[in-house]
Amino acid sequence: MKGKLIVFEGIDGAGTETQSKLLLSHLKRNGVPAERIFYPDYDGELGKLIRQFLHKKRELSPEMQFVLYAGDMVKDNEKINAWLEEGKTVVADRYFNSTIVYQGIRGFGMKKALHFAEDFGIPKPDVVMLLQIGPAESAKRKMGENGKLDRNEEDMRFLERVSHEYKRMALDNVFGRWFIVDGEKPKQQVFSEVMNVLKGAGLSPR
């Protein structure tokens, strides 16, 4: 049986890393073959350029932003497809859905992005879990985590637009089947809600 691709999305600080790691651990404890992947991949060459952009060491057009973020995922197409063919559950901390939202707000159209995904064979998620938090909570979490904010994290107005666009995409189920979870609750409560969603979608391991 082919595996499933489960994606965690949300504005900066929403908890996608935490929840994706909790889910991976849960799956493995229950004997479910699973892998985790995350974006951006800051250790890769494209990820290094993305980091420079986020920390204002490089300016990029919306088109170049899209190419870097999307290319960061295209490089993993073969690996993700192989995992899915092996029947593994693939858990992603951010995915192409983020690129549609963030670069879309900066000027790269959704239709072009979706055509790109189709042309380059980016695997479509089975479930997209939107962890919903407000911009103020986002800034609080990221400042506590890093002691500073990047260009996305410091722009409250931008994050508000990102949050709104995420909700719109979730309601329209753009590039996957979306579910919204309150990400401002304690992490174990959030994870319980995540598991309830997966059970309701018929994707819970046990």
N, C-alpha and C. Protein backbone atom coordinates (compact mmCIF):
# COMPACT_ATOMS: atom_id res chain seq x y z
N MET A 1 0.84 -1.19 0.00
CA MET A 1 0.00 0.00 0.00
C MET A 1 0.88 1.25 0.00
N LYS A 2 0.52 2.22 -0.82
CA LYS A 2 1.30 3.45 -0.92
C LYS A 2 1.17 4.25 0.37
N GLY A 3 2.26 4.91 0.76
CA GLY A 3 2.26 5.70 1.98
C GLY A 3 1.51 7.01 1.82
N LYS A 4 1.45 7.76 2.90
CA LYS A 4 0.74 9.03 2.93
C LYS A 4 1.70 10.18 3.24
N LEU A 5 1.40 11.33 2.67
CA LEU A 5 2.19 12.54 2.91
C LEU A 5 1.36 13.48 3.79
N ILE A 6 1.85 13.70 5.00
CA ILE A 6 1.17 14.57 5.97
C ILE A 6 2.02 15.81 6.20
N VAL A 7 1.43 16.98 5.96
CA VAL A 7 2.17 18.23 6.00
C VAL A 7 1.66 19.12 7.14
N PHE A 8 2.60 19.74 7.86
CA PHE A 8 2.25 20.74 8.86
C PHE A 8 2.59 22.12 8.33
N GLU A 9 1.61 23.02 8.38
CA GLU A 9 1.78 24.38 7.89
C GLU A 9 1.36 25.39 8.95
N GLY A 10 1.77 26.64 8.76
CA GLY A 10 1.38 27.71 9.66
C GLY A 10 2.38 28.85 9.56
N ILE A 11 2.00 30.00 10.10
CA ILE A 11 2.92 31.13 10.08
C ILE A 11 4.11 30.82 10.98
N ASP A 12 5.13 31.66 10.90
CA ASP A 12 6.35 31.44 11.67
C ASP A 12 6.02 31.27 13.16
N GLY A 13 6.60 30.24 13.77
CA GLY A 13 6.37 29.99 15.19
C GLY A 13 5.12 29.20 15.50
N ALA A 14 4.44 28.70 14.47
CA ALA A 14 3.18 27.99 14.69
C ALA A 14 3.36 26.63 15.37
N GLY A 15 4.58 26.09 15.32
CA GLY A 15 4.82 24.79 15.96
C GLY A 15 4.92 23.64 14.99
N THR A 16 5.19 23.94 13.72
CA THR A 16 5.26 22.87 12.72
C THR A 16 6.41 21.89 13.01
N GLU A 17 7.54 22.42 13.48
CA GLU A 17 8.67 21.54 13.80
C GLU A 17 8.32 20.63 14.98
N THR A 18 7.78 21.22 16.03
CA THR A 18 7.41 20.45 17.22
C THR A 18 6.40 19.36 16.89
N GLN A 19 5.33 19.72 16.20
CA GLN A 19 4.26 18.75 15.93
C GLN A 19 4.69 17.68 14.93
N SER A 20 5.52 18.05 13.96
CA SER A 20 5.98 17.04 13.00
C SER A 20 6.89 16.02 13.69
N LYS A 21 7.71 16.48 14.65
CA LYS A 21 8.56 15.56 15.38
C LYS A 21 7.75 14.67 16.33
N LEU A 22 6.73 15.24 16.97
CA LEU A 22 5.87 14.44 17.84
C LEU A 22 5.15 13.36 17.04
N LEU A 23 4.67 13.71 15.85
CA LEU A 23 3.97 12.73 15.03
C LEU A 23 4.92 11.64 14.55
N LEU A 24 6.12 12.02 14.13
CA LEU A 24 7.09 11.02 13.70
C LEU A 24 7.39 10.03 14.82
N SER A 25 7.61 10.54 16.03
CA SER A 25 7.90 9.67 17.17
C SER A 25 6.73 8.74 17.46
N HIS A 26 5.52 9.29 17.40
CA HIS A 26 4.31 8.48 17.64
C HIS A 26 4.19 7.35 16.62
N LEU A 27 4.39 7.69 15.37
CA LEU A 27 4.29 6.68 14.32
C LEU A 27 5.32 5.56 14.52
N LYS A 28 6.54 5.94 14.81
CA LYS A 28 7.59 4.93 14.98
C LYS A 28 7.35 4.06 16.20
N ARG A 29 6.85 4.66 17.28
CA ARG A 29 6.53 3.88 18.48
C ARG A 29 5.46 2.84 18.19
N ASN A 30 4.59 3.17 17.24
CA ASN A 30 3.50 2.26 16.90
C ASN A 30 3.84 1.36 15.72
N GLY A 31 5.12 1.30 15.37
CA GLY A 31 5.56 0.39 14.33
C GLY A 31 5.20 0.80 12.92
N VAL A 32 4.90 2.09 12.72
CA VAL A 32 4.56 2.58 11.38
C VAL A 32 5.82 3.12 10.71
N PRO A 33 6.22 2.59 9.57
CA PRO A 33 7.40 3.12 8.87
C PRO A 33 7.15 4.58 8.50
N ALA A 34 8.05 5.46 8.92
CA ALA A 34 7.82 6.89 8.69
C ALA A 34 9.13 7.62 8.52
N GLU A 35 9.06 8.72 7.78
CA GLU A 35 10.21 9.61 7.57
C GLU A 35 9.73 11.04 7.77
N ARG A 36 10.67 11.91 8.15
CA ARG A 36 10.34 13.33 8.33
C ARG A 36 11.23 14.16 7.41
N ILE A 37 10.63 15.21 6.86
CA ILE A 37 11.38 16.12 6.00
C ILE A 37 10.97 17.54 6.37
N PHE A 38 11.84 18.52 6.13
CA PHE A 38 11.51 19.88 6.54
C PHE A 38 12.03 20.88 5.51
N TYR A 39 11.34 22.02 5.47
CA TYR A 39 11.71 23.10 4.55
C TYR A 39 11.59 24.45 5.24
N PRO A 40 12.48 25.40 4.89
CA PRO A 40 13.61 25.25 3.98
C PRO A 40 14.70 24.35 4.57
N ASP A 41 15.47 23.73 3.68
CA ASP A 41 16.62 22.92 4.08
C ASP A 41 17.84 23.85 4.09
N TYR A 42 18.09 24.47 5.24
CA TYR A 42 19.13 25.50 5.32
C TYR A 42 20.54 24.97 5.13
N ASP A 43 20.72 23.66 5.21
CA ASP A 43 22.05 23.08 4.99
C ASP A 43 22.39 22.93 3.51
N GLY A 44 21.35 22.94 2.66
CA GLY A 44 21.57 22.81 1.23
C GLY A 44 21.95 24.14 0.59
N GLU A 45 22.41 24.08 -0.65
CA GLU A 45 22.84 25.30 -1.34
C GLU A 45 21.69 26.28 -1.54
N LEU A 46 20.52 25.77 -1.91
CA LEU A 46 19.37 26.66 -2.09
C LEU A 46 18.94 27.24 -0.74
N GLY A 47 18.97 26.40 0.28
CA GLY A 47 18.59 26.85 1.62
C GLY A 47 19.49 27.95 2.15
N LYS A 48 20.76 27.89 1.80
CA LYS A 48 21.69 28.94 2.24
C LYS A 48 21.33 30.29 1.62
N LEU A 49 20.92 30.26 0.36
CA LEU A 49 20.49 31.50 -0.30
C LEU A 49 19.19 32.02 0.33
N ILE A 50 18.29 31.10 0.67
CA ILE A 50 17.04 31.49 1.32
C ILE A 50 17.32 32.14 2.67
N ARG A 51 18.25 31.57 3.43
CA ARG A 51 18.60 32.14 4.73
C ARG A 51 19.16 33.57 4.57
N GLN A 52 19.99 33.77 3.54
CA GLN A 52 20.53 35.10 3.29
C GLN A 52 19.41 36.10 3.01
N PHE A 53 18.42 35.65 2.24
CA PHE A 53 17.28 36.51 1.94
C PHE A 53 16.50 36.84 3.21
N LEU A 54 16.22 35.83 4.02
CA LEU A 54 15.43 36.05 5.23
C LEU A 54 16.12 36.98 6.21
N HIS A 55 17.46 36.95 6.23
CA HIS A 55 18.20 37.79 7.16
C HIS A 55 18.73 39.07 6.50
N LYS A 56 18.11 39.41 5.37
CA LYS A 56 18.35 40.69 4.68
C LYS A 56 19.80 40.87 4.21
N LYS A 57 20.44 39.76 3.91
CA LYS A 57 21.79 39.84 3.36
C LYS A 57 21.75 39.74 1.83
N ARG A 58 20.57 39.51 1.29
CA ARG A 58 20.39 39.40 -0.15
C ARG A 58 18.95 39.77 -0.47
N GLU A 59 18.75 40.51 -1.55
CA GLU A 59 17.40 40.84 -2.00
C GLU A 59 17.07 39.99 -3.21
N LEU A 60 15.83 39.51 -3.26
CA LEU A 60 15.41 38.63 -4.35
C LEU A 60 14.03 39.05 -4.84
N SER A 61 13.81 38.96 -6.13
CA SER A 61 12.49 39.21 -6.70
C SER A 61 11.55 38.09 -6.27
N PRO A 62 10.22 38.31 -6.34
CA PRO A 62 9.28 37.23 -6.01
C PRO A 62 9.52 35.98 -6.85
N GLU A 63 9.91 36.18 -8.11
CA GLU A 63 10.18 35.03 -8.99
C GLU A 63 11.38 34.22 -8.50
N MET A 64 12.44 34.92 -8.11
CA MET A 64 13.63 34.22 -7.62
C MET A 64 13.36 33.57 -6.27
N GLN A 65 12.58 34.23 -5.43
CA GLN A 65 12.18 33.60 -4.16
C GLN A 65 11.46 32.29 -4.44
N PHE A 66 10.51 32.34 -5.35
CA PHE A 66 9.74 31.14 -5.66
C PHE A 66 10.64 30.03 -6.19
N VAL A 67 11.53 30.38 -7.11
CA VAL A 67 12.43 29.38 -7.69
C VAL A 67 13.27 28.70 -6.61
N LEU A 68 13.78 29.48 -5.67
CA LEU A 68 14.62 28.91 -4.61
C LEU A 68 13.81 28.02 -3.68
N TYR A 69 12.69 28.53 -3.19
CA TYR A 69 11.88 27.74 -2.27
C TYR A 69 11.33 26.47 -2.95
N ALA A 70 10.79 26.63 -4.15
CA ALA A 70 10.22 25.48 -4.85
C ALA A 70 11.31 24.50 -5.27
N GLY A 71 12.45 25.03 -5.72
CA GLY A 71 13.56 24.16 -6.11
C GLY A 71 14.07 23.34 -4.95
N ASP A 72 14.01 23.92 -3.75
CA ASP A 72 14.43 23.22 -2.54
C ASP A 72 13.60 21.95 -2.35
N MET A 73 12.34 21.98 -2.81
CA MET A 73 11.47 20.82 -2.69
C MET A 73 11.60 19.88 -3.88
N VAL A 74 11.75 20.44 -5.07
CA VAL A 74 11.88 19.61 -6.27
C VAL A 74 13.07 18.66 -6.14
N LYS A 75 14.13 19.13 -5.49
CA LYS A 75 15.32 18.28 -5.34
C LYS A 75 15.02 17.00 -4.56
N ASP A 76 13.92 17.01 -3.77
CA ASP A 76 13.57 15.85 -2.95
C ASP A 76 12.44 15.00 -3.53
N ASN A 77 11.95 15.36 -4.72
CA ASN A 77 10.83 14.61 -5.31
C ASN A 77 11.10 13.11 -5.35
N GLU A 78 12.26 12.75 -5.85
CA GLU A 78 12.58 11.33 -6.02
C GLU A 78 12.59 10.61 -4.67
N LYS A 79 13.19 11.25 -3.67
CA LYS A 79 13.27 10.65 -2.34
C LYS A 79 11.88 10.48 -1.73
N ILE A 80 11.05 11.52 -1.81
CA ILE A 80 9.71 11.45 -1.23
C ILE A 80 8.87 10.39 -1.94
N ASN A 81 8.92 10.37 -3.26
CA ASN A 81 8.15 9.37 -4.01
C ASN A 81 8.60 7.95 -3.67
N ALA A 82 9.90 7.77 -3.48
CA ALA A 82 10.42 6.43 -3.12
C ALA A 82 9.88 6.02 -1.76
N TRP A 83 9.90 6.93 -0.79
CA TRP A 83 9.36 6.62 0.54
C TRP A 83 7.89 6.24 0.45
N LEU A 84 7.12 7.02 -0.32
CA LEU A 84 5.69 6.74 -0.45
C LEU A 84 5.45 5.39 -1.11
N GLU A 85 6.23 5.06 -2.13
CA GLU A 85 6.10 3.76 -2.80
C GLU A 85 6.44 2.60 -1.86
N GLU A 86 7.33 2.87 -0.91
CA GLU A 86 7.70 1.85 0.09
C GLU A 86 6.63 1.71 1.17
N GLY A 87 5.58 2.52 1.10
CA GLY A 87 4.51 2.45 2.08
C GLY A 87 4.75 3.25 3.33
N LYS A 88 5.74 4.14 3.30
CA LYS A 88 6.07 4.94 4.48
C LYS A 88 5.16 6.17 4.58
N THR A 89 4.91 6.57 5.81
CA THR A 89 4.24 7.85 6.04
C THR A 89 5.32 8.93 6.06
N VAL A 90 5.15 9.94 5.24
CA VAL A 90 6.12 11.04 5.17
C VAL A 90 5.51 12.24 5.88
N VAL A 91 6.21 12.73 6.90
CA VAL A 91 5.75 13.87 7.68
C VAL A 91 6.61 15.07 7.30
N ALA A 92 5.96 16.14 6.85
CA ALA A 92 6.70 17.32 6.38
C ALA A 92 6.45 18.52 7.28
N ASP A 93 7.55 19.12 7.73
CA ASP A 93 7.50 20.39 8.45
C ASP A 93 7.62 21.49 7.40
N ARG A 94 6.48 22.04 7.01
CA ARG A 94 6.35 22.97 5.88
C ARG A 94 6.53 22.22 4.56
N TYR A 95 5.91 22.77 3.52
CA TYR A 95 5.98 22.11 2.20
C TYR A 95 5.61 23.14 1.14
N PHE A 96 5.27 22.67 -0.04
CA PHE A 96 5.00 23.56 -1.17
C PHE A 96 3.86 24.53 -0.87
N ASN A 97 2.96 24.14 0.02
CA ASN A 97 1.84 25.01 0.39
C ASN A 97 2.34 26.33 0.96
N SER A 98 3.44 26.28 1.73
CA SER A 98 4.03 27.51 2.27
C SER A 98 4.49 28.44 1.15
N THR A 99 5.10 27.85 0.14
CA THR A 99 5.61 28.64 -0.97
C THR A 99 4.46 29.32 -1.73
N ILE A 100 3.37 28.59 -1.90
CA ILE A 100 2.20 29.19 -2.54
C ILE A 100 1.74 30.42 -1.76
N VAL A 101 1.73 30.30 -0.43
CA VAL A 101 1.25 31.40 0.41
C VAL A 101 2.24 32.56 0.47
N TYR A 102 3.46 32.28 0.93
CA TYR A 102 4.42 33.36 1.17
C TYR A 102 4.83 34.08 -0.12
N GLN A 103 5.19 33.32 -1.14
CA GLN A 103 5.61 33.97 -2.39
C GLN A 103 4.41 34.50 -3.16
N GLY A 104 3.24 33.92 -2.91
CA GLY A 104 2.03 34.45 -3.53
C GLY A 104 1.74 35.86 -3.03
N ILE A 105 1.88 36.07 -1.74
CA ILE A 105 1.64 37.40 -1.17
C ILE A 105 2.65 38.41 -1.72
N ARG A 106 3.84 37.93 -2.02
CA ARG A 106 4.87 38.84 -2.55
C ARG A 106 4.76 39.03 -4.06
N GLY A 107 3.81 38.33 -4.70
CA GLY A 107 3.57 38.63 -6.10
C GLY A 107 3.62 37.49 -7.09
N PHE A 108 3.92 36.25 -6.61
CA PHE A 108 3.96 35.12 -7.52
C PHE A 108 2.60 34.43 -7.49
N GLY A 109 1.89 34.46 -8.62
CA GLY A 109 0.50 34.00 -8.68
C GLY A 109 0.30 32.53 -8.35
N MET A 110 -0.85 32.24 -7.70
CA MET A 110 -1.16 30.87 -7.31
C MET A 110 -1.28 29.93 -8.51
N LYS A 111 -1.89 30.41 -9.58
CA LYS A 111 -2.05 29.55 -10.76
C LYS A 111 -0.71 29.12 -11.32
N LYS A 112 0.22 30.07 -11.38
CA LYS A 112 1.57 29.73 -11.86
C LYS A 112 2.24 28.73 -10.93
N ALA A 113 2.04 28.92 -9.62
CA ALA A 113 2.65 28.01 -8.65
C ALA A 113 2.10 26.59 -8.80
N LEU A 114 0.79 26.48 -8.97
CA LEU A 114 0.18 25.16 -9.10
C LEU A 114 0.58 24.49 -10.42
N HIS A 115 0.72 25.29 -11.47
CA HIS A 115 1.21 24.73 -12.74
C HIS A 115 2.64 24.22 -12.57
N PHE A 116 3.44 24.95 -11.83
CA PHE A 116 4.82 24.53 -11.56
C PHE A 116 4.82 23.18 -10.84
N ALA A 117 3.98 23.07 -9.81
CA ALA A 117 3.91 21.81 -9.04
C ALA A 117 3.54 20.63 -9.95
N GLU A 118 2.61 20.88 -10.86
CA GLU A 118 2.20 19.81 -11.78
C GLU A 118 3.31 19.49 -12.77
N ASP A 119 3.92 20.51 -13.34
CA ASP A 119 4.96 20.31 -14.35
C ASP A 119 6.19 19.60 -13.78
N PHE A 120 6.51 19.91 -12.51
CA PHE A 120 7.71 19.34 -11.90
C PHE A 120 7.42 18.16 -10.98
N GLY A 121 6.16 17.72 -10.97
CA GLY A 121 5.82 16.50 -10.26
C GLY A 121 5.99 16.56 -8.75
N ILE A 122 5.71 17.70 -8.14
CA ILE A 122 5.80 17.79 -6.69
C ILE A 122 4.64 16.99 -6.08
N PRO A 123 4.94 15.98 -5.25
CA PRO A 123 3.87 15.14 -4.67
C PRO A 123 2.85 15.97 -3.90
N LYS A 124 1.58 15.68 -4.12
CA LYS A 124 0.50 16.41 -3.45
C LYS A 124 0.23 15.77 -2.09
N PRO A 125 0.13 16.60 -1.03
CA PRO A 125 -0.12 16.04 0.31
C PRO A 125 -1.48 15.35 0.41
N ASP A 126 -1.53 14.33 1.26
CA ASP A 126 -2.81 13.69 1.58
C ASP A 126 -3.55 14.49 2.64
N VAL A 127 -2.79 15.08 3.56
CA VAL A 127 -3.36 15.91 4.63
C VAL A 127 -2.45 17.11 4.85
N VAL A 128 -3.05 18.29 4.96
CA VAL A 128 -2.32 19.50 5.33
C VAL A 128 -2.91 19.99 6.65
N MET A 129 -2.08 20.00 7.69
CA MET A 129 -2.51 20.40 9.02
C MET A 129 -2.09 21.85 9.26
N LEU A 130 -3.05 22.76 9.28
CA LEU A 130 -2.75 24.17 9.51
C LEU A 130 -2.81 24.46 11.00
N LEU A 131 -1.65 24.78 11.57
CA LEU A 131 -1.56 25.14 12.99
C LEU A 131 -1.76 26.65 13.08
N GLN A 132 -2.89 27.05 13.59
CA GLN A 132 -3.29 28.46 13.53
C GLN A 132 -2.89 29.21 14.79
N ILE A 133 -2.03 30.23 14.63
CA ILE A 133 -1.69 31.14 15.73
C ILE A 133 -1.73 32.57 15.19
N GLY A 134 -1.79 33.54 16.09
CA GLY A 134 -1.81 34.94 15.69
C GLY A 134 -0.40 35.50 15.53
N PRO A 135 -0.24 36.60 14.79
CA PRO A 135 1.07 37.22 14.60
C PRO A 135 1.77 37.60 15.90
N ALA A 136 1.02 38.08 16.90
CA ALA A 136 1.65 38.46 18.18
C ALA A 136 2.27 37.24 18.85
N GLU A 137 1.55 36.13 18.84
CA GLU A 137 2.08 34.89 19.43
C GLU A 137 3.28 34.40 18.62
N SER A 138 3.22 34.58 17.32
CA SER A 138 4.33 34.20 16.45
C SER A 138 5.61 34.94 16.85
N ALA A 139 5.51 36.26 16.96
CA ALA A 139 6.67 37.08 17.30
C ALA A 139 7.22 36.73 18.68
N LYS A 140 6.32 36.50 19.63
CA LYS A 140 6.72 36.13 20.99
C LYS A 140 7.51 34.82 20.98
N ARG A 141 7.00 33.83 20.26
CA ARG A 141 7.68 32.53 20.22
C ARG A 141 9.03 32.62 19.52
N LYS A 142 9.08 33.29 18.39
CA LYS A 142 10.33 33.35 17.62
C LYS A 142 11.40 34.18 18.35
N MET A 143 10.98 35.24 19.01
CA MET A 143 11.94 36.04 19.77
C MET A 143 12.50 35.22 20.94
N GLY A 144 11.63 34.46 21.59
CA GLY A 144 12.08 33.60 22.68
C GLY A 144 12.99 32.49 22.21
N GLU A 145 12.77 32.05 20.98
CA GLU A 145 13.56 30.95 20.41
C GLU A 145 14.92 31.41 19.91
N ASN A 146 14.95 32.54 19.20
CA ASN A 146 16.18 32.97 18.53
C ASN A 146 16.77 34.28 19.06
N GLY A 147 16.00 35.04 19.84
CA GLY A 147 16.48 36.32 20.32
C GLY A 147 16.45 37.42 19.28
N LYS A 148 15.98 37.10 18.09
CA LYS A 148 15.84 38.08 17.01
C LYS A 148 14.85 37.54 16.00
N LEU A 149 14.41 38.41 15.10
CA LEU A 149 13.40 38.04 14.11
C LEU A 149 13.93 38.28 12.70
N ASP A 150 13.56 37.37 11.77
CA ASP A 150 13.94 37.59 10.38
C ASP A 150 12.92 38.50 9.70
N ARG A 151 13.08 38.72 8.40
CA ARG A 151 12.24 39.70 7.70
C ARG A 151 10.77 39.31 7.71
N ASN A 152 10.47 38.04 7.71
CA ASN A 152 9.08 37.60 7.79
C ASN A 152 8.53 37.75 9.20
N GLU A 153 9.31 37.32 10.17
CA GLU A 153 8.85 37.25 11.55
C GLU A 153 8.62 38.62 12.18
N GLU A 154 9.35 39.63 11.71
CA GLU A 154 9.24 40.96 12.32
C GLU A 154 8.13 41.80 11.72
N ASP A 155 7.54 41.35 10.63
CA ASP A 155 6.55 42.14 9.91
C ASP A 155 5.15 41.65 10.27
N MET A 156 4.54 42.30 11.27
CA MET A 156 3.22 41.87 11.76
C MET A 156 2.14 41.96 10.67
N ARG A 157 2.22 42.99 9.87
CA ARG A 157 1.22 43.15 8.81
C ARG A 157 1.35 42.03 7.78
N PHE A 158 2.60 41.69 7.46
CA PHE A 158 2.83 40.60 6.51
C PHE A 158 2.31 39.28 7.07
N LEU A 159 2.61 39.01 8.35
CA LEU A 159 2.15 37.77 8.97
C LEU A 159 0.63 37.69 9.03
N GLU A 160 -0.01 38.83 9.23
CA GLU A 160 -1.48 38.86 9.23
C GLU A 160 -2.01 38.44 7.86
N ARG A 161 -1.37 38.93 6.81
CA ARG A 161 -1.77 38.56 5.46
C ARG A 161 -1.51 37.07 5.20
N VAL A 162 -0.37 36.58 5.69
CA VAL A 162 -0.04 35.17 5.54
C VAL A 162 -1.09 34.30 6.24
N SER A 163 -1.44 34.69 7.47
CA SER A 163 -2.44 33.95 8.23
C SER A 163 -3.78 33.91 7.50
N HIS A 164 -4.18 35.06 6.96
CA HIS A 164 -5.44 35.14 6.22
C HIS A 164 -5.40 34.25 4.98
N GLU A 165 -4.27 34.25 4.28
CA GLU A 165 -4.15 33.45 3.05
C GLU A 165 -4.14 31.96 3.37
N TYR A 166 -3.49 31.60 4.46
CA TYR A 166 -3.51 30.19 4.88
C TYR A 166 -4.95 29.73 5.12
N LYS A 167 -5.73 30.55 5.82
CA LYS A 167 -7.12 30.19 6.10
C LYS A 167 -7.90 30.02 4.81
N ARG A 168 -7.67 30.94 3.87
CA ARG A 168 -8.39 30.86 2.59
C ARG A 168 -8.03 29.59 1.84
N MET A 169 -6.74 29.26 1.83
CA MET A 169 -6.30 28.03 1.16
C MET A 169 -6.88 26.80 1.84
N ALA A 170 -6.95 26.84 3.19
CA ALA A 170 -7.50 25.71 3.93
C ALA A 170 -8.97 25.49 3.58
N LEU A 171 -9.72 26.59 3.51
CA LEU A 171 -11.15 26.47 3.19
C LEU A 171 -11.37 25.96 1.77
N ASP A 172 -10.44 26.28 0.87
CA ASP A 172 -10.56 25.85 -0.52
C ASP A 172 -9.83 24.54 -0.80
N ASN A 173 -9.15 23.99 0.24
CA ASN A 173 -8.38 22.75 0.08
C ASN A 173 -7.43 22.81 -1.12
N VAL A 174 -6.64 23.87 -1.16
CA VAL A 174 -5.69 24.07 -2.25
C VAL A 174 -4.47 23.16 -2.05
N PHE A 175 -4.17 22.36 -3.04
CA PHE A 175 -3.00 21.46 -3.04
C PHE A 175 -2.99 20.58 -1.79
N GLY A 176 -4.11 19.89 -1.57
CA GLY A 176 -4.20 18.96 -0.45
C GLY A 176 -5.51 19.11 0.31
N ARG A 177 -5.75 18.18 1.21
CA ARG A 177 -6.94 18.19 2.06
C ARG A 177 -6.54 18.82 3.40
N TRP A 178 -7.11 19.99 3.69
CA TRP A 178 -6.67 20.79 4.83
C TRP A 178 -7.54 20.59 6.06
N PHE A 179 -6.90 20.72 7.23
CA PHE A 179 -7.59 20.73 8.51
C PHE A 179 -6.95 21.84 9.36
N ILE A 180 -7.77 22.56 10.12
CA ILE A 180 -7.28 23.66 10.95
C ILE A 180 -7.27 23.25 12.41
N VAL A 181 -6.13 23.46 13.06
CA VAL A 181 -5.95 23.13 14.47
C VAL A 181 -5.48 24.38 15.21
N ASP A 182 -6.01 24.61 16.41
CA ASP A 182 -5.60 25.75 17.23
C ASP A 182 -4.18 25.51 17.73
N GLY A 183 -3.22 26.24 17.17
CA GLY A 183 -1.82 26.05 17.51
C GLY A 183 -1.36 26.81 18.74
N GLU A 184 -2.24 27.61 19.36
CA GLU A 184 -1.84 28.41 20.52
C GLU A 184 -1.99 27.64 21.83
N LYS A 185 -2.59 26.48 21.79
CA LYS A 185 -2.73 25.65 23.00
C LYS A 185 -1.39 25.00 23.35
N PRO A 186 -1.25 24.46 24.57
CA PRO A 186 -0.02 23.72 24.92
C PRO A 186 0.25 22.62 23.92
N LYS A 187 1.53 22.34 23.67
CA LYS A 187 1.90 21.45 22.57
C LYS A 187 1.27 20.06 22.64
N GLN A 188 1.10 19.51 23.85
CA GLN A 188 0.50 18.18 23.94
C GLN A 188 -0.99 18.22 23.61
N GLN A 189 -1.65 19.33 23.96
CA GLN A 189 -3.05 19.49 23.57
C GLN A 189 -3.17 19.62 22.06
N VAL A 190 -2.25 20.37 21.47
CA VAL A 190 -2.25 20.51 20.01
C VAL A 190 -2.06 19.14 19.37
N PHE A 191 -1.12 18.37 19.91
CA PHE A 191 -0.86 17.04 19.33
C PHE A 191 -2.08 16.13 19.46
N SER A 192 -2.80 16.23 20.57
CA SER A 192 -4.02 15.42 20.73
C SER A 192 -5.04 15.79 19.65
N GLU A 193 -5.14 17.09 19.35
CA GLU A 193 -6.06 17.51 18.30
C GLU A 193 -5.60 17.01 16.93
N VAL A 194 -4.28 17.05 16.73
CA VAL A 194 -3.72 16.53 15.47
C VAL A 194 -4.10 15.06 15.30
N MET A 195 -3.95 14.28 16.36
CA MET A 195 -4.27 12.85 16.29
C MET A 195 -5.76 12.63 16.06
N ASN A 196 -6.60 13.48 16.66
CA ASN A 196 -8.04 13.36 16.43
C ASN A 196 -8.38 13.63 14.97
N VAL A 197 -7.70 14.62 14.39
CA VAL A 197 -7.92 14.93 12.98
C VAL A 197 -7.52 13.74 12.11
N LEU A 198 -6.35 13.17 12.40
CA LEU A 198 -5.88 12.03 11.61
C LEU A 198 -6.80 10.82 11.75
N LYS A 199 -7.33 10.61 12.96
CA LYS A 199 -8.27 9.52 13.15
C LYS A 199 -9.53 9.76 12.32
N GLY A 200 -10.02 11.00 12.37
CA GLY A 200 -11.21 11.34 11.61
C GLY A 200 -11.02 11.20 10.11
N ALA A 201 -9.77 11.41 9.67
CA ALA A 201 -9.46 11.29 8.24
C ALA A 201 -9.08 9.87 7.86
N GLY A 202 -9.12 8.98 8.84
CA GLY A 202 -8.78 7.58 8.56
C GLY A 202 -7.30 7.33 8.38
N LEU A 203 -6.47 8.22 8.96
CA LEU A 203 -5.02 8.10 8.76
C LEU A 203 -4.27 7.83 10.06
N SER A 204 -4.99 7.64 11.16
CA SER A 204 -4.30 7.38 12.43
C SER A 204 -3.77 5.96 12.45
N PRO A 205 -2.52 5.75 12.88
CA PRO A 205 -1.93 4.40 12.87
C PRO A 205 -2.61 3.45 13.83
N ARG A 206 -2.88 3.93 15.05
CA ARG A 206 -3.50 3.09 16.10
C ARG A 206 -4.08 4.01 17.15
